[in-house]
Amino acid sequence: MDLTTATKIALELVIELDDFCKRSAIAGSVRREKPDVHDIEIVCQPITSFAGMDTPLFTGALYSYLANPTGKLARATKIKGAYKYQQWALEEGINLDLFIVTPPAQWGVILAIRTGPAQLSQALVTQRSKGGLLPSWAHVKNGAVWYTKTGELIEMATEAEFFQFCGLPFVEPRLREEMAWTHSQQ
């Protein structure tokens, strides 16, 4: 699918999910502005507090909505997934990959990984001692960065924070394809 059409569909989906999410963002090849798009990827963080009360993590409004969607998703077919990831076949002939950021996952980690490209995503989750960009004293698990020795979570609220943690300046998604993404090439 061409980028213009995919972007329009992705924006419609972000708007559709907006009432149920703290934030959502287009990721993947649409965010990188690739001319030929094979799927639409959206990262979203559900609202987990309503009227000042926390709701159980997997019974919030986003999950209720995804079980009985309206709009564009009502005309789609759910292919697979549950609480952290869902894939939908859209009527326009393209799939939606929906990545749902819930604890312990961190927004910055998931958005960076899901925006890609694949070589960058792999380098960001691979320790420097193994040729990647992640500090060797940390590891990525369940969409979050952890101190390996203590098991403590390292907050990564933004994609820029994750890049900085890995020793990189923030790179605009459309410029990421052409760069080498291993520590040894930095």
Protein backbone atom coordinates (compact mmCIF):
# COMPACT_ATOMS: atom_id res chain seq x y z
CA MET A 1 0.00 0.00 0.00
CA ASP A 2 1.26 3.51 -0.70
CA LEU A 3 2.38 5.71 2.20
CA THR A 4 -0.35 8.33 1.76
CA THR A 5 -3.17 5.79 2.00
CA ALA A 6 -1.55 3.91 4.89
CA THR A 7 -0.97 7.16 6.80
CA LYS A 8 -4.61 8.18 6.38
CA ILE A 9 -5.80 4.80 7.70
CA ALA A 10 -3.31 4.89 10.59
CA LEU A 11 -4.42 8.40 11.62
CA GLU A 12 -8.07 7.31 11.57
CA LEU A 13 -7.19 4.37 13.84
CA VAL A 14 -5.24 6.55 16.28
CA ILE A 15 -8.25 8.87 16.54
CA GLU A 16 -10.54 5.87 17.03
CA LEU A 17 -8.38 4.57 19.91
CA ASP A 18 -7.83 8.00 21.46
CA ASP A 19 -10.74 7.83 23.94
CA PHE A 20 -9.31 4.67 25.47
CA CYS A 21 -5.62 5.55 25.60
CA LYS A 22 -3.34 7.88 27.54
CA ARG A 23 -1.39 8.14 24.32
CA SER A 24 -0.99 6.41 21.01
CA ALA A 25 1.41 6.77 18.12
CA ILE A 26 1.93 5.47 14.63
CA ALA A 27 5.07 3.32 14.43
CA GLY A 28 6.74 1.07 11.86
CA SER A 29 7.18 1.88 8.20
CA VAL A 30 4.46 4.54 8.21
CA ARG A 31 6.34 6.50 10.89
CA ARG A 32 9.59 5.98 8.95
CA GLU A 33 7.77 7.31 5.85
CA LYS A 34 8.56 4.33 3.66
CA PRO A 35 6.88 4.67 0.24
CA ASP A 36 5.63 1.05 0.27
CA VAL A 37 3.85 0.02 3.48
CA HIS A 38 3.15 -3.66 4.24
CA ASP A 39 1.37 -3.21 7.58
CA ILE A 40 0.24 -0.47 9.94
CA GLU A 41 1.74 -0.46 13.42
CA ILE A 42 0.30 1.52 16.30
CA VAL A 43 1.67 1.72 19.83
CA CYS A 44 -0.83 2.70 22.50
CA GLN A 45 -0.92 3.02 26.27
CA PRO A 46 -4.37 2.36 27.73
CA ILE A 47 -6.04 4.55 30.31
CA THR A 48 -6.00 2.56 33.54
CA SER A 49 -7.65 5.11 35.80
CA PHE A 50 -11.24 6.28 35.48
CA ALA A 51 -12.92 8.81 37.78
CA GLY A 52 -9.89 8.64 40.08
CA MET A 53 -10.11 4.87 40.51
CA ASP A 54 -7.61 2.40 39.10
CA THR A 55 -9.17 -0.38 37.08
CA PRO A 56 -7.82 -3.91 36.84
CA LEU A 57 -5.19 -3.87 34.14
CA PHE A 58 -6.88 -6.09 31.60
CA THR A 59 -10.50 -5.09 32.14
CA GLY A 60 -10.20 -1.41 31.28
CA ALA A 61 -12.05 0.49 28.60
CA LEU A 62 -9.51 -0.25 25.85
CA TYR A 63 -9.95 -4.00 26.23
CA SER A 64 -13.73 -3.67 26.41
CA TYR A 65 -13.62 -1.60 23.24
CA LEU A 66 -11.32 -4.05 21.44
CA ALA A 67 -13.72 -6.88 22.33
CA ASN A 68 -16.63 -4.94 20.74
CA PRO A 69 -15.12 -2.27 18.49
CA THR A 70 -16.92 0.33 16.45
CA GLY A 71 -15.64 2.33 13.51
CA LYS A 72 -12.81 0.97 11.38
CA LEU A 73 -12.00 -1.90 13.76
CA ALA A 74 -15.64 -3.06 13.72
CA ARG A 75 -15.17 -3.78 10.02
CA ALA A 76 -11.85 -5.56 10.61
CA THR A 77 -11.14 -9.18 11.48
CA LYS A 78 -9.07 -9.93 14.53
CA ILE A 79 -6.34 -12.37 13.52
CA LYS A 80 -4.58 -12.94 16.84
CA GLY A 81 -3.40 -11.49 20.11
CA ALA A 82 -4.71 -10.44 23.49
CA TYR A 83 -3.41 -7.98 26.07
CA LYS A 84 -0.04 -6.74 24.80
CA TYR A 85 -0.38 -7.32 21.07
CA GLN A 86 -3.22 -7.70 18.63
CA GLN A 87 -3.25 -8.12 14.87
CA TRP A 88 -6.25 -7.12 12.79
CA ALA A 89 -6.97 -7.56 9.07
CA LEU A 90 -8.42 -4.24 7.92
CA GLU A 91 -11.01 -3.99 5.16
CA GLU A 92 -8.56 -1.93 3.10
CA GLY A 93 -6.41 -5.03 2.60
CA ILE A 94 -3.65 -4.27 5.10
CA ASN A 95 -3.01 -5.57 8.62
CA LEU A 96 -2.92 -3.50 11.79
CA ASP A 97 -0.41 -4.55 14.44
CA LEU A 98 -1.48 -2.98 17.73
CA PHE A 99 1.16 -2.90 20.48
CA ILE A 100 -0.36 -2.17 23.89
CA VAL A 101 2.06 -0.70 26.44
CA THR A 102 1.19 -1.97 29.92
CA PRO A 103 3.48 -2.37 32.94
CA PRO A 104 6.25 -3.30 33.09
CA ALA A 105 6.64 -2.21 29.44
CA GLN A 106 7.87 1.34 28.93
CA TRP A 107 6.57 3.70 26.25
CA GLY A 108 10.02 4.77 25.03
CA VAL A 109 11.28 1.21 24.62
CA ILE A 110 8.23 -0.09 22.77
CA LEU A 111 7.92 2.94 20.47
CA ALA A 112 11.60 2.73 19.47
CA ILE A 113 11.52 -1.02 18.90
CA ARG A 114 8.23 -0.95 16.98
CA THR A 115 9.27 1.98 14.81
CA GLY A 116 12.44 0.21 13.70
CA PRO A 117 13.89 -0.52 11.24
CA ALA A 118 14.55 -4.13 12.25
CA GLN A 119 18.35 -3.69 12.39
CA LEU A 120 17.95 -0.81 14.86
CA SER A 121 15.38 -2.68 16.95
CA GLN A 122 17.72 -5.64 17.25
CA ALA A 123 20.70 -3.43 18.15
CA LEU A 124 18.68 -1.59 20.84
CA VAL A 125 17.85 -4.82 22.68
CA THR A 126 21.31 -6.38 22.27
CA GLN A 127 24.01 -5.65 24.82
CA ARG A 128 27.18 -3.87 23.67
CA SER A 129 29.26 -6.88 24.72
CA LYS A 130 27.34 -8.80 22.05
CA GLY A 131 27.66 -6.12 19.34
CA GLY A 132 24.50 -4.15 20.12
CA LEU A 133 23.80 -0.71 21.55
CA LEU A 134 22.35 -1.55 24.97
CA PRO A 135 24.76 -1.11 27.91
CA SER A 136 26.10 -4.52 28.89
CA TRP A 137 24.93 -4.13 32.50
CA ALA A 138 21.29 -3.88 31.38
CA HIS A 139 18.83 -6.06 29.51
CA VAL A 140 15.45 -5.67 27.81
CA LYS A 141 12.62 -7.95 28.90
CA ASN A 142 8.85 -7.54 28.58
CA GLY A 143 9.24 -4.21 26.80
CA ALA A 144 11.30 -2.61 29.55
CA VAL A 145 14.96 -2.05 30.43
CA TRP A 146 16.27 -3.63 33.62
CA TYR A 147 19.49 -3.57 35.64
CA THR A 148 20.81 -7.10 35.16
CA LYS A 149 22.37 -7.44 38.64
CA THR A 150 19.51 -6.07 40.73
CA GLY A 151 16.49 -6.69 38.52
CA GLU A 152 15.37 -3.08 38.99
CA LEU A 153 13.33 -1.38 36.28
CA ILE A 154 14.96 1.57 34.51
CA GLU A 155 12.32 4.10 33.47
CA MET A 156 12.22 4.98 29.76
CA ALA A 157 9.29 7.36 29.38
CA THR A 158 10.29 8.55 25.92
CA GLU A 159 11.97 7.19 22.84
CA ALA A 160 14.63 9.94 23.14
CA GLU A 161 15.48 8.70 26.66
CA PHE A 162 15.95 5.17 25.35
CA PHE A 163 18.21 6.40 22.55
CA GLN A 164 20.25 8.45 25.04
CA PHE A 165 20.49 5.47 27.40
CA CYS A 166 21.96 3.47 24.50
CA GLY A 167 24.47 6.24 23.75
CA LEU A 168 22.71 7.59 20.67
CA PRO A 169 21.35 10.98 19.72
CA PHE A 170 17.67 10.84 18.84
CA VAL A 171 17.32 10.07 15.14
CA GLU A 172 14.16 11.03 13.29
CA PRO A 173 12.35 7.88 12.11
CA ARG A 174 12.58 8.79 8.40
CA LEU A 175 16.40 8.91 8.68
CA ARG A 176 16.90 5.58 10.45
CA GLU A 177 17.05 3.29 7.42
CA GLU A 178 20.38 4.50 6.14
CA MET A 179 22.36 4.27 9.37
CA ALA A 180 24.56 1.48 10.71
CA TRP A 181 23.18 0.23 14.01
CA THR A 182 25.82 -1.66 15.93
CA HIS A 183 28.05 -0.41 18.73
CA SER A 184 31.19 -1.39 16.88
CA GLN A 185 30.20 0.90 13.98
CA GLN A 186 29.49 3.98 16.13
